């Protein structure tokens, strides 16, 4: 897992609520929580490949639906 330091600096007169919302947005954009959720349990490589193929198949089906 890559180490990511997320820092939000307050400007003079800036509210804490605004800084917290900015921090939350930065965390969401960096996908740290997603990676932690994915690493919570071990997933066999064969399962990862199977899910990847299923997602690709679903994308192709969706794309052909619009063509």
PDB file of N, CA and C in Angstrom:
ATOM      1  N   UNK A   1       0.857  -1.171   0.000  1.00  0.00           N
ATOM      2  CA  UNK A   1       0.000   0.000   0.000  1.00  0.00           C
ATOM      3  C   UNK A   1       0.902   1.233   0.000  1.00  0.00           C
ATOM      4  N   UNK A   2       0.631   2.142  -0.868  1.00  0.00           N
ATOM      5  CA  UNK A   2       1.404   3.367  -0.964  1.00  0.00           C
ATOM      6  C   UNK A   2       1.068   4.293   0.199  1.00  0.00           C
ATOM      7  N   UNK A   3       2.088   4.922   0.711  1.00  0.00           N
ATOM      8  CA  UNK A   3       1.885   5.863   1.813  1.00  0.00           C
ATOM      9  C   UNK A   3       1.461   7.195   1.217  1.00  0.00           C
ATOM     10  N   UNK A   4       0.328   7.672   1.676  1.00  0.00           N
ATOM     11  CA  UNK A   4      -0.196   8.935   1.184  1.00  0.00           C
ATOM     12  C   UNK A   4      -0.467   9.848   2.363  1.00  0.00           C
ATOM     13  N   UNK A   5       0.163  10.975   2.359  1.00  0.00           N
ATOM     14  CA  UNK A   5      -0.099  11.963   3.402  1.00  0.00           C
ATOM     15  C   UNK A   5      -1.059  12.998   2.841  1.00  0.00           C
ATOM     16  N   UNK A   6      -2.201  13.081   3.471  1.00  0.00           N
ATOM     17  CA  UNK A   6      -3.196  14.060   3.043  1.00  0.00           C
ATOM     18  C   UNK A   6      -3.197  15.173   4.074  1.00  0.00           C
ATOM     19  N   UNK A   7      -3.014  16.366   3.584  1.00  0.00           N
ATOM     20  CA  UNK A   7      -2.899  17.510   4.477  1.00  0.00           C
ATOM     21  C   UNK A   7      -3.799  18.630   3.992  1.00  0.00           C
ATOM     22  N   UNK A   8      -4.506  19.228   4.931  1.00  0.00           N
ATOM     23  CA  UNK A   8      -5.368  20.364   4.617  1.00  0.00           C
ATOM     24  C   UNK A   8      -4.942  21.510   5.518  1.00  0.00           C
ATOM     25  N   UNK A   9      -4.547  22.596   4.915  1.00  0.00           N
ATOM     26  CA  UNK A   9      -4.136  23.764   5.697  1.00  0.00           C
ATOM     27  C   UNK A   9      -5.279  24.767   5.743  1.00  0.00           C
ATOM     28  N   UNK A  10      -5.516  25.263   6.928  1.00  0.00           N
ATOM     29  CA  UNK A  10      -6.564  26.267   7.111  1.00  0.00           C
ATOM     30  C   UNK A  10      -6.026  27.654   6.813  1.00  0.00           C
ATOM     31  N   UNK A  11      -6.847  28.440   6.160  1.00  0.00           N
ATOM     32  CA  UNK A  11      -6.516  29.842   5.958  1.00  0.00           C
ATOM     33  C   UNK A  11      -7.146  30.631   7.089  1.00  0.00           C
ATOM     34  N   UNK A  12      -6.673  31.793   7.305  1.00  0.00           N
ATOM     35  CA  UNK A  12      -7.210  32.628   8.380  1.00  0.00           C
ATOM     36  C   UNK A  12      -8.697  32.888   8.126  1.00  0.00           C
ATOM     37  N   UNK A  13      -9.500  32.569   9.126  1.00  0.00           N
ATOM     38  CA  UNK A  13     -10.933  32.805   9.025  1.00  0.00           C
ATOM     39  C   UNK A  13     -11.706  31.670   8.377  1.00  0.00           C
ATOM     40  N   UNK A  14     -11.019  30.613   7.931  1.00  0.00           N
ATOM     41  CA  UNK A  14     -11.702  29.495   7.298  1.00  0.00           C
ATOM     42  C   UNK A  14     -12.312  28.595   8.379  1.00  0.00           C
ATOM     43  N   UNK A  15     -13.505  28.133   8.134  1.00  0.00           N
ATOM     44  CA  UNK A  15     -14.192  27.319   9.139  1.00  0.00           C
ATOM     45  C   UNK A  15     -13.652  25.892   9.147  1.00  0.00           C
ATOM     46  N   UNK A  16     -13.772  25.271  10.292  1.00  0.00           N
ATOM     47  CA  UNK A  16     -13.337  23.893  10.457  1.00  0.00           C
ATOM     48  C   UNK A  16     -14.183  22.959   9.592  1.00  0.00           C
ATOM     49  N   UNK A  17     -15.469  23.232   9.491  1.00  0.00           N
ATOM     50  CA  UNK A  17     -16.362  22.388   8.706  1.00  0.00           C
ATOM     51  C   UNK A  17     -15.933  22.327   7.240  1.00  0.00           C
ATOM     52  N   UNK A  18     -15.517  23.474   6.713  1.00  0.00           N
ATOM     53  CA  UNK A  18     -15.073  23.525   5.325  1.00  0.00           C
ATOM     54  C   UNK A  18     -13.787  22.707   5.146  1.00  0.00           C
ATOM     55  N   UNK A  19     -12.891  22.805   6.131  1.00  0.00           N
ATOM     56  CA  UNK A  19     -11.642  22.045   6.072  1.00  0.00           C
ATOM     57  C   UNK A  19     -11.913  20.544   6.171  1.00  0.00           C
ATOM     58  N   UNK A  20     -12.860  20.160   7.009  1.00  0.00           N
ATOM     59  CA  UNK A  20     -13.199  18.743   7.146  1.00  0.00           C
ATOM     60  C   UNK A  20     -13.791  18.201   5.848  1.00  0.00           C
ATOM     61  N   UNK A  21     -14.655  18.967   5.233  1.00  0.00           N
ATOM     62  CA  UNK A  21     -15.252  18.512   3.970  1.00  0.00           C
ATOM     63  C   UNK A  21     -14.191  18.406   2.880  1.00  0.00           C
ATOM     64  N   UNK A  22     -13.238  19.311   2.877  1.00  0.00           N
ATOM     65  CA  UNK A  22     -12.141  19.248   1.900  1.00  0.00           C
ATOM     66  C   UNK A  22     -11.283  18.010   2.157  1.00  0.00           C
ATOM     67  N   UNK A  23     -11.023  17.710   3.441  1.00  0.00           N
ATOM     68  CA  UNK A  23     -10.246  16.538   3.815  1.00  0.00           C
ATOM     69  C   UNK A  23     -10.962  15.261   3.369  1.00  0.00           C
ATOM     70  N   UNK A  24     -12.268  15.188   3.614  1.00  0.00           N
ATOM     71  CA  UNK A  24     -13.046  14.024   3.211  1.00  0.00           C
ATOM     72  C   UNK A  24     -12.993  13.816   1.702  1.00  0.00           C
ATOM     73  N   UNK A  25     -13.092  14.900   0.950  1.00  0.00           N
ATOM     74  CA  UNK A  25     -13.042  14.816  -0.510  1.00  0.00           C
ATOM     75  C   UNK A  25     -11.679  14.310  -0.975  1.00  0.00           C
ATOM     76  N   UNK A  26     -10.597  14.806  -0.344  1.00  0.00           N
ATOM     77  CA  UNK A  26      -9.258  14.357  -0.709  1.00  0.00           C
ATOM     78  C   UNK A  26      -9.059  12.872  -0.407  1.00  0.00           C
ATOM     79  N   UNK A  27      -9.584  12.413   0.721  1.00  0.00           N
ATOM     80  CA  UNK A  27      -9.484  10.992   1.076  1.00  0.00           C
ATOM     81  C   UNK A  27     -10.249  10.150   0.068  1.00  0.00           C
ATOM     82  N   UNK A  28     -11.437  10.608  -0.294  1.00  0.00           N
ATOM     83  CA  UNK A  28     -12.253   9.872  -1.256  1.00  0.00           C
ATOM     84  C   UNK A  28     -11.561   9.807  -2.618  1.00  0.00           C
ATOM     85  N   UNK A  29     -10.996  10.924  -3.059  1.00  0.00           N
ATOM     86  CA  UNK A  29     -10.330  10.978  -4.357  1.00  0.00           C
ATOM     87  C   UNK A  29      -9.063  10.118  -4.398  1.00  0.00           C
ATOM     88  N   UNK A  30      -8.392   9.978  -3.252  1.00  0.00           N
ATOM     89  CA  UNK A  30      -7.164   9.189  -3.222  1.00  0.00           C
ATOM     90  C   UNK A  30      -7.438   7.693  -3.156  1.00  0.00           C
ATOM     91  N   UNK A  31      -8.690   7.297  -2.921  1.00  0.00           N
ATOM     92  CA  UNK A  31      -9.140   5.908  -2.880  1.00  0.00           C
ATOM     93  C   UNK A  31      -8.439   5.085  -1.796  1.00  0.00           C
ATOM     94  N   UNK A  32      -8.059   5.733  -0.708  1.00  0.00           N
ATOM     95  CA  UNK A  32      -7.419   5.041   0.405  1.00  0.00           C
ATOM     96  C   UNK A  32      -8.393   4.062   1.053  1.00  0.00           C
ATOM     97  N   UNK A  33      -9.604   4.512   1.314  1.00  0.00           N
ATOM     98  CA  UNK A  33     -10.590   3.654   1.974  1.00  0.00           C
ATOM     99  C   UNK A  33     -10.969   2.458   1.107  1.00  0.00           C
ATOM    100  N   UNK A  34     -11.032   2.666  -0.207  1.00  0.00           N
ATOM    101  CA  UNK A  34     -11.330   1.570  -1.121  1.00  0.00           C
ATOM    102  C   UNK A  34     -10.248   0.502  -1.038  1.00  0.00           C
ATOM    103  N   UNK A  35      -8.997   0.949  -1.033  1.00  0.00           N
ATOM    104  CA  UNK A  35      -7.879   0.009  -0.964  1.00  0.00           C
ATOM    105  C   UNK A  35      -7.884  -0.746   0.363  1.00  0.00           C
ATOM    106  N   UNK A  36      -8.161  -0.063   1.453  1.00  0.00           N
ATOM    107  CA  UNK A  36      -8.230  -0.730   2.752  1.00  0.00           C
ATOM    108  C   UNK A  36      -9.337  -1.778   2.772  1.00  0.00           C
ATOM    109  N   UNK A  37     -10.470  -1.455   2.192  1.00  0.00           N
ATOM    110  CA  UNK A  37     -11.580  -2.402   2.138  1.00  0.00           C
ATOM    111  C   UNK A  37     -11.198  -3.623   1.305  1.00  0.00           C
ATOM    112  N   UNK A  38     -10.516  -3.395   0.183  1.00  0.00           N
ATOM    113  CA  UNK A  38     -10.093  -4.490  -0.678  1.00  0.00           C
ATOM    114  C   UNK A  38      -9.076  -5.394   0.017  1.00  0.00           C
ATOM    115  N   UNK A  39      -8.222  -4.825   0.833  1.00  0.00           N
ATOM    116  CA  UNK A  39      -7.167  -5.592   1.502  1.00  0.00           C
ATOM    117  C   UNK A  39      -7.614  -6.191   2.833  1.00  0.00           C
ATOM    118  N   UNK A  40      -8.839  -5.982   3.220  1.00  0.00           N
ATOM    119  CA  UNK A  40      -9.326  -6.462   4.502  1.00  0.00           C
ATOM    120  C   UNK A  40      -9.283  -7.994   4.557  1.00  0.00           C
ATOM    121  N   UNK A  41      -9.590  -8.648   3.449  1.00  0.00           N
ATOM    122  CA  UNK A  41      -9.586 -10.101   3.379  1.00  0.00           C
ATOM    123  C   UNK A  41      -8.748 -10.535   2.185  1.00  0.00           C
ATOM    124  N   UNK A  42      -8.149 -11.716   2.321  1.00  0.00           N
ATOM    125  CA  UNK A  42      -7.368 -12.269   1.222  1.00  0.00           C
ATOM    126  C   UNK A  42      -8.318 -12.804   0.161  1.00  0.00           C
ATOM    127  N   UNK A  43      -8.024 -12.484  -1.076  1.00  0.00           N
ATOM    128  CA  UNK A  43      -8.805 -12.978  -2.199  1.00  0.00           C
ATOM    129  C   UNK A  43      -7.850 -13.730  -3.115  1.00  0.00           C
ATOM    130  N   UNK A  44      -8.230 -14.950  -3.417  1.00  0.00           N
ATOM    131  CA  UNK A  44      -7.375 -15.778  -4.266  1.00  0.00           C
ATOM    132  C   UNK A  44      -7.234 -15.146  -5.651  1.00  0.00           C
ATOM    133  N   UNK A  45      -6.055 -15.283  -6.262  1.00  0.00           N
ATOM    134  CA  UNK A  45      -5.846 -14.721  -7.597  1.00  0.00           C
ATOM    135  C   UNK A  45      -6.850 -15.227  -8.630  1.00  0.00           C
ATOM    136  N   UNK A  46      -7.281 -16.472  -8.508  1.00  0.00           N
ATOM    137  CA  UNK A  46      -8.253 -17.008  -9.463  1.00  0.00           C
ATOM    138  C   UNK A  46      -9.594 -16.285  -9.347  1.00  0.00           C
ATOM    139  N   UNK A  47      -9.970 -15.912  -8.138  1.00  0.00           N
ATOM    140  CA  UNK A  47     -11.222 -15.169  -7.926  1.00  0.00           C
ATOM    141  C   UNK A  47     -11.101 -13.767  -8.515  1.00  0.00           C
ATOM    142  N   UNK A  48      -9.937 -13.144  -8.344  1.00  0.00           N
ATOM    143  CA  UNK A  48      -9.703 -11.806  -8.898  1.00  0.00           C
ATOM    144  C   UNK A  48      -9.842 -11.841 -10.415  1.00  0.00           C
ATOM    145  N   UNK A  49      -9.236 -12.857 -11.058  1.00  0.00           N
ATOM    146  CA  UNK A  49      -9.325 -12.991 -12.511  1.00  0.00           C
ATOM    147  C   UNK A  49     -10.763 -13.219 -12.957  1.00  0.00           C
ATOM    148  N   UNK A  50     -11.482 -14.048 -12.197  1.00  0.00           N
ATOM    149  CA  UNK A  50     -12.868 -14.347 -12.533  1.00  0.00           C
ATOM    150  C   UNK A  50     -13.734 -13.085 -12.470  1.00  0.00           C
ATOM    151  N   UNK A  51     -13.540 -12.283 -11.412  1.00  0.00           N
ATOM    152  CA  UNK A  51     -14.300 -11.035 -11.280  1.00  0.00           C
ATOM    153  C   UNK A  51     -13.940 -10.046 -12.377  1.00  0.00           C
ATOM    154  N   UNK A  52     -12.656  -9.995 -12.716  1.00  0.00           N
ATOM    155  CA  UNK A  52     -12.190  -9.084 -13.764  1.00  0.00           C
ATOM    156  C   UNK A  52     -12.832  -9.447 -15.104  1.00  0.00           C
ATOM    157  N   UNK A  53     -12.889 -10.750 -15.411  1.00  0.00           N
ATOM    158  CA  UNK A  53     -13.530 -11.199 -16.655  1.00  0.00           C
ATOM    159  C   UNK A  53     -15.023 -10.883 -16.656  1.00  0.00           C
ATOM    160  N   UNK A  54     -15.673 -11.053 -15.512  1.00  0.00           N
ATOM    161  CA  UNK A  54     -17.110 -10.776 -15.421  1.00  0.00           C
ATOM    162  C   UNK A  54     -17.388  -9.292 -15.632  1.00  0.00           C
ATOM    163  N   UNK A  55     -16.536  -8.432 -15.055  1.00  0.00           N
ATOM    164  CA  UNK A  55     -16.713  -6.988 -15.238  1.00  0.00           C
ATOM    165  C   UNK A  55     -16.514  -6.597 -16.705  1.00  0.00           C
ATOM    166  N   UNK A  56     -15.512  -7.196 -17.344  1.00  0.00           N
ATOM    167  CA  UNK A  56     -15.261  -6.897 -18.756  1.00  0.00           C
ATOM    168  C   UNK A  56     -16.437  -7.346 -19.615  1.00  0.00           C
ATOM    169  N   UNK A  57     -16.972  -8.516 -19.296  1.00  0.00           N
ATOM    170  CA  UNK A  57     -18.123  -9.032 -20.035  1.00  0.00           C
ATOM    171  C   UNK A  57     -19.332  -8.116 -19.875  1.00  0.00           C
ATOM    172  N   UNK A  58     -19.551  -7.625 -18.659  1.00  0.00           N
ATOM    173  CA  UNK A  58     -20.670  -6.717 -18.400  1.00  0.00           C
ATOM    174  C   UNK A  58     -20.485  -5.401 -19.155  1.00  0.00           C
ATOM    175  N   UNK A  59     -19.239  -4.905 -19.200  1.00  0.00           N
ATOM    176  CA  UNK A  59     -18.966  -3.669 -19.958  1.00  0.00           C
ATOM    177  C   UNK A  59     -19.262  -3.857 -21.426  1.00  0.00           C
ATOM    178  N   UNK A  60     -18.845  -4.994 -21.972  1.00  0.00           N
ATOM    179  CA  UNK A  60     -19.068  -5.257 -23.390  1.00  0.00           C
ATOM    180  C   UNK A  60     -20.570  -5.379 -23.686  1.00  0.00           C
ATOM    181  N   UNK A  61     -21.292  -6.026 -22.788  1.00  0.00           N
ATOM    182  CA  UNK A  61     -22.730  -6.178 -22.965  1.00  0.00           C
ATOM    183  C   UNK A  61     -23.418  -4.813 -22.929  1.00  0.00           C
ATOM    184  N   UNK A  62     -22.992  -3.972 -21.995  1.00  0.00           N
ATOM    185  CA  UNK A  62     -23.568  -2.630 -21.874  1.00  0.00           C
ATOM    186  C   UNK A  62     -23.237  -1.792 -23.091  1.00  0.00           C
ATOM    187  N   UNK A  63     -21.983  -1.917 -23.589  1.00  0.00           N
ATOM    188  CA  UNK A  63     -21.564  -1.135 -24.741  1.00  0.00           C
ATOM    189  C   UNK A  63     -22.330  -1.573 -25.984  1.00  0.00           C
ATOM    190  N   UNK A  64     -22.539  -2.874 -26.159  1.00  0.00           N
ATOM    191  CA  UNK A  64     -23.254  -3.355 -27.346  1.00  0.00           C
ATOM    192  C   UNK A  64     -24.731  -2.963 -27.282  1.00  0.00           C
ATOM    193  N   UNK A  65     -25.232  -2.770 -26.091  1.00  0.00           N
ATOM    194  CA  UNK A  65     -26.623  -2.361 -25.909  1.00  0.00           C
ATOM    195  C   UNK A  65     -26.854  -0.967 -26.499  1.00  0.00           C
ATOM    196  N   UNK A  66     -25.839  -0.099 -26.417  1.00  0.00           N
ATOM    197  CA  UNK A  66     -25.970   1.274 -26.902  1.00  0.00           C
ATOM    198  C   UNK A  66     -25.593   1.428 -28.367  1.00  0.00           C
ATOM    199  N   UNK A  67     -25.009   0.408 -28.956  1.00  0.00           N
ATOM    200  CA  UNK A  67     -24.608   0.504 -30.366  1.00  0.00           C
ATOM    201  C   UNK A  67     -25.745   0.277 -31.315  1.00  0.00           C
TER     202      UNK A  67
END
